[in-house]
PDB file of N, CA and C in Angstrom:
ATOM      1  N   MET A   1       0.727  -1.181  -0.051  1.00  0.00           N
ATOM      2  CA  MET A   1      -0.130   0.192  -0.126  1.00  0.00           C
ATOM      3  C   MET A   1       0.996   1.272  -0.435  1.00  0.00           C
ATOM      4  N   SER A   2       1.430   1.407  -1.188  1.00  0.00           N
ATOM      5  CA  SER A   2       2.285   2.489  -1.082  1.00  0.00           C
ATOM      6  C   SER A   2       1.673   3.940  -1.688  1.00  0.00           C
ATOM      7  N   LYS A   3       0.580   3.858  -1.748  1.00  0.00           N
ATOM      8  CA  LYS A   3      -0.372   4.786  -2.236  1.00  0.00           C
ATOM      9  C   LYS A   3      -0.431   6.138  -1.483  1.00  0.00           C
ATOM     10  N   ASN A   4      -0.508   7.160  -2.060  1.00  0.00           N
ATOM     11  CA  ASN A   4      -0.962   8.234  -0.473  1.00  0.00           C
ATOM     12  C   ASN A   4      -1.939   8.378  -0.207  1.00  0.00           C
ATOM     13  N   ILE A   5      -2.243   8.498   0.848  1.00  0.00           N
ATOM     14  CA  ILE A   5      -4.074   8.545   1.079  1.00  0.00           C
ATOM     15  C   ILE A   5      -4.213   9.897   1.315  1.00  0.00           C
ATOM     16  N   HIS A   6      -5.376  10.359   0.786  1.00  0.00           N
ATOM     17  CA  HIS A   6      -5.892  11.791   0.393  1.00  0.00           C
ATOM     18  C   HIS A   6      -6.927  11.947   1.015  1.00  0.00           C
ATOM     19  N   GLN A   7      -7.781  12.744   1.551  1.00  0.00           N
ATOM     20  CA  GLN A   7      -9.365  12.580   1.943  1.00  0.00           C
ATOM     21  C   GLN A   7     -10.077  12.330   0.934  1.00  0.00           C
ATOM     22  N   LYS A   8     -10.738  11.271   1.447  1.00  0.00           N
ATOM     23  CA  LYS A   8     -12.158  11.101   1.076  1.00  0.00           C
ATOM     24  C   LYS A   8     -13.111  11.355   1.399  1.00  0.00           C
ATOM     25  N   ARG A   9     -14.161  11.366   0.750  1.00  0.00           N
ATOM     26  CA  ARG A   9     -15.729  11.761   1.344  1.00  0.00           C
ATOM     27  C   ARG A   9     -16.554  11.012   1.788  1.00  0.00           C
ATOM     28  N   GLU A  10     -17.239  10.940   2.688  1.00  0.00           N
ATOM     29  CA  GLU A  10     -17.642  10.080   3.866  1.00  0.00           C
ATOM     30  C   GLU A  10     -18.777   9.458   2.772  1.00  0.00           C
ATOM     31  N   ASP A  11     -19.261   9.778   2.086  1.00  0.00           N
ATOM     32  CA  ASP A  11     -19.858   8.736   1.284  1.00  0.00           C
ATOM     33  C   ASP A  11     -19.557   7.751   0.189  1.00  0.00           C
ATOM     34  N   THR A  12     -17.982   7.653   0.148  1.00  0.00           N
ATOM     35  CA  THR A  12     -17.403   6.770  -0.502  1.00  0.00           C
ATOM     36  C   THR A  12     -17.254   5.603  -0.333  1.00  0.00           C
ATOM     37  N   LEU A  13     -17.561   4.667  -1.294  1.00  0.00           N
ATOM     38  CA  LEU A  13     -17.776   3.329  -1.043  1.00  0.00           C
ATOM     39  C   LEU A  13     -16.726   2.227  -0.710  1.00  0.00           C
ATOM     40  N   VAL A  14     -17.018   1.576  -0.059  1.00  0.00           N
ATOM     41  CA  VAL A  14     -15.851   0.667   0.314  1.00  0.00           C
ATOM     42  C   VAL A  14     -15.247  -0.442  -0.523  1.00  0.00           C
ATOM     43  N   LYS A  15     -15.736  -0.432  -1.955  1.00  0.00           N
ATOM     44  CA  LYS A  15     -15.293  -1.176  -3.113  1.00  0.00           C
ATOM     45  C   LYS A  15     -14.274  -0.511  -3.557  1.00  0.00           C
ATOM     46  N   THR A  16     -14.701   1.130  -3.675  1.00  0.00           N
ATOM     47  CA  THR A  16     -13.357   1.980  -3.899  1.00  0.00           C
ATOM     48  C   THR A  16     -12.194   2.256  -3.009  1.00  0.00           C
ATOM     49  N   ILE A  17     -12.561   2.090  -2.136  1.00  0.00           N
ATOM     50  CA  ILE A  17     -10.972   2.729  -1.230  1.00  0.00           C
ATOM     51  C   ILE A  17     -10.522   0.809  -1.257  1.00  0.00           C
ATOM     52  N   GLU A  18     -11.241  -0.030  -1.178  1.00  0.00           N
ATOM     53  CA  GLU A  18     -10.388  -1.486  -1.529  1.00  0.00           C
ATOM     54  C   GLU A  18      -9.812  -1.407  -2.790  1.00  0.00           C
ATOM     55  N   LYS A  19     -10.361  -1.028  -3.895  1.00  0.00           N
ATOM     56  CA  LYS A  19     -10.027  -1.166  -5.232  1.00  0.00           C
ATOM     57  C   LYS A  19      -8.458  -0.361  -5.161  1.00  0.00           C
ATOM     58  N   LYS A  20      -8.830   1.141  -4.620  1.00  0.00           N
ATOM     59  CA  LYS A  20      -7.739   1.869  -4.570  1.00  0.00           C
ATOM     60  C   LYS A  20      -6.301   1.604  -3.768  1.00  0.00           C
ATOM     61  N   TYR A  21      -6.616   0.926  -2.617  1.00  0.00           N
ATOM     62  CA  TYR A  21      -5.327   0.514  -1.636  1.00  0.00           C
ATOM     63  C   TYR A  21      -4.689  -0.705  -1.606  1.00  0.00           C
ATOM     64  N   GLY A  22      -5.725  -1.533  -2.357  1.00  0.00           N
ATOM     65  CA  GLY A  22      -5.492  -2.844  -2.355  1.00  0.00           C
ATOM     66  C   GLY A  22      -5.359  -3.785  -0.921  1.00  0.00           C
ATOM     67  N   VAL A  23      -6.688  -3.033  -0.631  1.00  0.00           N
ATOM     68  CA  VAL A  23      -7.123  -3.865   0.880  1.00  0.00           C
ATOM     69  C   VAL A  23      -8.254  -4.630   0.929  1.00  0.00           C
ATOM     70  N   ASN A  24      -8.678  -5.619   1.879  1.00  0.00           N
ATOM     71  CA  ASN A  24      -9.737  -6.073   2.135  1.00  0.00           C
ATOM     72  C   ASN A  24     -10.427  -5.935   3.528  1.00  0.00           C
ATOM     73  N   LEU A  25     -11.584  -4.520   3.237  1.00  0.00           N
ATOM     74  CA  LEU A  25     -11.600  -3.937   4.968  1.00  0.00           C
ATOM     75  C   LEU A  25     -12.616  -5.118   5.433  1.00  0.00           C
ATOM     76  N   GLY A  26     -13.094  -6.114   4.439  1.00  0.00           N
ATOM     77  CA  GLY A  26     -14.128  -7.055   5.556  1.00  0.00           C
ATOM     78  C   GLY A  26     -15.665  -6.779   5.643  1.00  0.00           C
ATOM     79  N   TYR A  27     -16.023  -5.379   4.723  1.00  0.00           N
ATOM     80  CA  TYR A  27     -17.162  -5.316   4.947  1.00  0.00           C
ATOM     81  C   TYR A  27     -18.031  -5.228   3.449  1.00  0.00           C
ATOM     82  N   ARG A  28     -19.289  -5.019   3.516  1.00  0.00           N
ATOM     83  CA  ARG A  28     -19.781  -4.865   2.216  1.00  0.00           C
ATOM     84  C   ARG A  28     -19.234  -4.192   1.292  1.00  0.00           C
ATOM     85  N   SER A  29     -18.977  -4.525   0.134  1.00  0.00           N
ATOM     86  CA  SER A  29     -18.681  -3.293  -1.381  1.00  0.00           C
ATOM     87  C   SER A  29     -19.690  -2.497  -1.400  1.00  0.00           C
ATOM     88  N   ASP A  30     -20.734  -2.065  -1.095  1.00  0.00           N
ATOM     89  CA  ASP A  30     -21.889  -1.016  -1.014  1.00  0.00           C
ATOM     90  C   ASP A  30     -21.939  -0.226   0.106  1.00  0.00           C
ATOM     91  N   ALA A  31     -21.182  -0.854   1.124  1.00  0.00           N
ATOM     92  CA  ALA A  31     -21.014   0.048   2.613  1.00  0.00           C
ATOM     93  C   ALA A  31     -20.176   1.201   2.103  1.00  0.00           C
ATOM     94  N   GLN A  32     -20.492   2.316   3.107  1.00  0.00           N
ATOM     95  CA  GLN A  32     -19.969   3.742   3.042  1.00  0.00           C
ATOM     96  C   GLN A  32     -18.942   4.001   4.077  1.00  0.00           C
ATOM     97  N   LEU A  33     -18.354   4.663   3.686  1.00  0.00           N
ATOM     98  CA  LEU A  33     -16.972   5.249   4.678  1.00  0.00           C
ATOM     99  C   LEU A  33     -17.686   5.346   5.731  1.00  0.00           C
ATOM    100  N   HIS A  34     -18.078   6.556   5.898  1.00  0.00           N
ATOM    101  CA  HIS A  34     -18.463   6.628   7.346  1.00  0.00           C
ATOM    102  C   HIS A  34     -19.411   5.941   7.883  1.00  0.00           C
ATOM    103  N   THR A  35     -19.658   5.268   7.563  1.00  0.00           N
ATOM    104  CA  THR A  35     -20.372   3.529   8.383  1.00  0.00           C
ATOM    105  C   THR A  35     -19.321   2.480   9.169  1.00  0.00           C
ATOM    106  N   VAL A  36     -18.483   2.262   8.213  1.00  0.00           N
ATOM    107  CA  VAL A  36     -17.281   1.323   8.582  1.00  0.00           C
ATOM    108  C   VAL A  36     -16.914   2.397   9.627  1.00  0.00           C
ATOM    109  N   LEU A  37     -16.300   3.483   9.532  1.00  0.00           N
ATOM    110  CA  LEU A  37     -15.415   4.325  10.584  1.00  0.00           C
ATOM    111  C   LEU A  37     -16.143   4.477  11.600  1.00  0.00           C
ATOM    112  N   LYS A  38     -17.654   4.294  11.772  1.00  0.00           N
ATOM    113  CA  LYS A  38     -18.197   4.385  13.047  1.00  0.00           C
ATOM    114  C   LYS A  38     -18.592   3.430  13.517  1.00  0.00           C
ATOM    115  N   LYS A  39     -18.399   2.242  12.521  1.00  0.00           N
ATOM    116  CA  LYS A  39     -18.866   0.740  13.252  1.00  0.00           C
ATOM    117  C   LYS A  39     -17.182   0.168  14.002  1.00  0.00           C
ATOM    118  N   GLU A  40     -16.249   0.951  13.719  1.00  0.00           N
ATOM    119  CA  GLU A  40     -14.649   0.633  13.809  1.00  0.00           C
ATOM    120  C   GLU A  40     -14.184   1.646  14.853  1.00  0.00           C
ATOM    121  N   GLY A  41     -14.873   2.522  14.880  1.00  0.00           N
ATOM    122  CA  GLY A  41     -14.732   3.669  16.230  1.00  0.00           C
ATOM    123  C   GLY A  41     -13.300   4.247  15.948  1.00  0.00           C
ATOM    124  N   LEU A  42     -13.498   4.735  14.281  1.00  0.00           N
ATOM    125  CA  LEU A  42     -11.875   5.354  14.124  1.00  0.00           C
ATOM    126  C   LEU A  42     -12.361   6.639  13.344  1.00  0.00           C
ATOM    127  N   PRO A  43     -11.378   7.487  13.542  1.00  0.00           N
ATOM    128  CA  PRO A  43     -11.996   8.682  12.542  1.00  0.00           C
ATOM    129  C   PRO A  43     -11.479   9.208  11.123  1.00  0.00           C
ATOM    130  N   SER A  44     -10.389   8.173  10.823  1.00  0.00           N
ATOM    131  CA  SER A  44     -10.137   8.617   9.479  1.00  0.00           C
ATOM    132  C   SER A  44      -9.862   7.236   8.815  1.00  0.00           C
ATOM    133  N   LEU A  45      -9.791   7.449   7.214  1.00  0.00           N
ATOM    134  CA  LEU A  45      -9.360   6.648   6.697  1.00  0.00           C
ATOM    135  C   LEU A  45      -8.115   6.024   6.880  1.00  0.00           C
ATOM    136  N   SER A  46      -7.295   6.926   7.246  1.00  0.00           N
ATOM    137  CA  SER A  46      -5.704   6.545   7.264  1.00  0.00           C
ATOM    138  C   SER A  46      -5.560   5.641   8.481  1.00  0.00           C
ATOM    139  N   LYS A  47      -6.551   5.841   9.515  1.00  0.00           N
ATOM    140  CA  LYS A  47      -6.681   5.268  10.690  1.00  0.00           C
ATOM    141  C   LYS A  47      -7.220   3.282  10.505  1.00  0.00           C
ATOM    142  N   LEU A  48      -7.915   3.452   9.660  1.00  0.00           N
ATOM    143  CA  LEU A  48      -8.850   2.285   9.100  1.00  0.00           C
ATOM    144  C   LEU A  48      -7.936   1.600   8.530  1.00  0.00           C
ATOM    145  N   LEU A  49      -6.877   2.207   7.486  1.00  0.00           N
ATOM    146  CA  LEU A  49      -5.869   1.541   6.806  1.00  0.00           C
ATOM    147  C   LEU A  49      -4.997   0.826   7.470  1.00  0.00           C
ATOM    148  N   LYS A  50      -4.400   1.593   8.411  1.00  0.00           N
ATOM    149  CA  LYS A  50      -3.483   1.160   9.338  1.00  0.00           C
ATOM    150  C   LYS A  50      -3.828  -0.011  10.202  1.00  0.00           C
ATOM    151  N   MET A  51      -4.954  -0.080  10.775  1.00  0.00           N
ATOM    152  CA  MET A  51      -6.058  -1.105  11.542  1.00  0.00           C
ATOM    153  C   MET A  51      -5.699  -2.556  10.534  1.00  0.00           C
ATOM    154  N   THR A  52      -6.492  -2.306   9.136  1.00  0.00           N
ATOM    155  CA  THR A  52      -6.099  -3.265   8.449  1.00  0.00           C
ATOM    156  C   THR A  52      -4.913  -4.079   8.072  1.00  0.00           C
ATOM    157  N   GLN A  53      -4.010  -3.015   8.246  1.00  0.00           N
ATOM    158  CA  GLN A  53      -2.489  -3.764   7.793  1.00  0.00           C
ATOM    159  C   GLN A  53      -2.017  -4.277   9.183  1.00  0.00           C
ATOM    160  N   LYS A  54      -2.424  -4.023  10.060  1.00  0.00           N
ATOM    161  CA  LYS A  54      -2.234  -4.773  11.589  1.00  0.00           C
ATOM    162  C   LYS A  54      -3.029  -6.342  11.383  1.00  0.00           C
ATOM    163  N   LYS A  55      -4.117  -6.566  10.855  1.00  0.00           N
ATOM    164  CA  LYS A  55      -4.823  -7.294  11.310  1.00  0.00           C
ATOM    165  C   LYS A  55      -4.177  -8.650   9.852  1.00  0.00           C
ATOM    166  N   SER A  56      -4.254  -7.319   9.153  1.00  0.00           N
ATOM    167  CA  SER A  56      -3.531  -9.012   7.727  1.00  0.00           C
ATOM    168  C   SER A  56      -1.989  -9.328   8.269  1.00  0.00           C
ATOM    169  N   ALA A  57      -1.526  -8.668   9.052  1.00  0.00           N
ATOM    170  CA  ALA A  57       0.416  -8.730   9.399  1.00  0.00           C
ATOM    171  C   ALA A  57       0.225 -10.345  10.352  1.00  0.00           C
TER     172      ALA A  57
END
């Protein structure tokens, strides 16, 4: 995951994030970013991606 993380709109779909950053977030592809962040208790996409990397390591 070497791509820069740019600020994403809260209505960005999980499938878009997974495709761009090459990760599997473990949520439905039609879920929105704000929903995932709320469920995970995280403030940002960068924190979510870091958490995802730790789970897969």
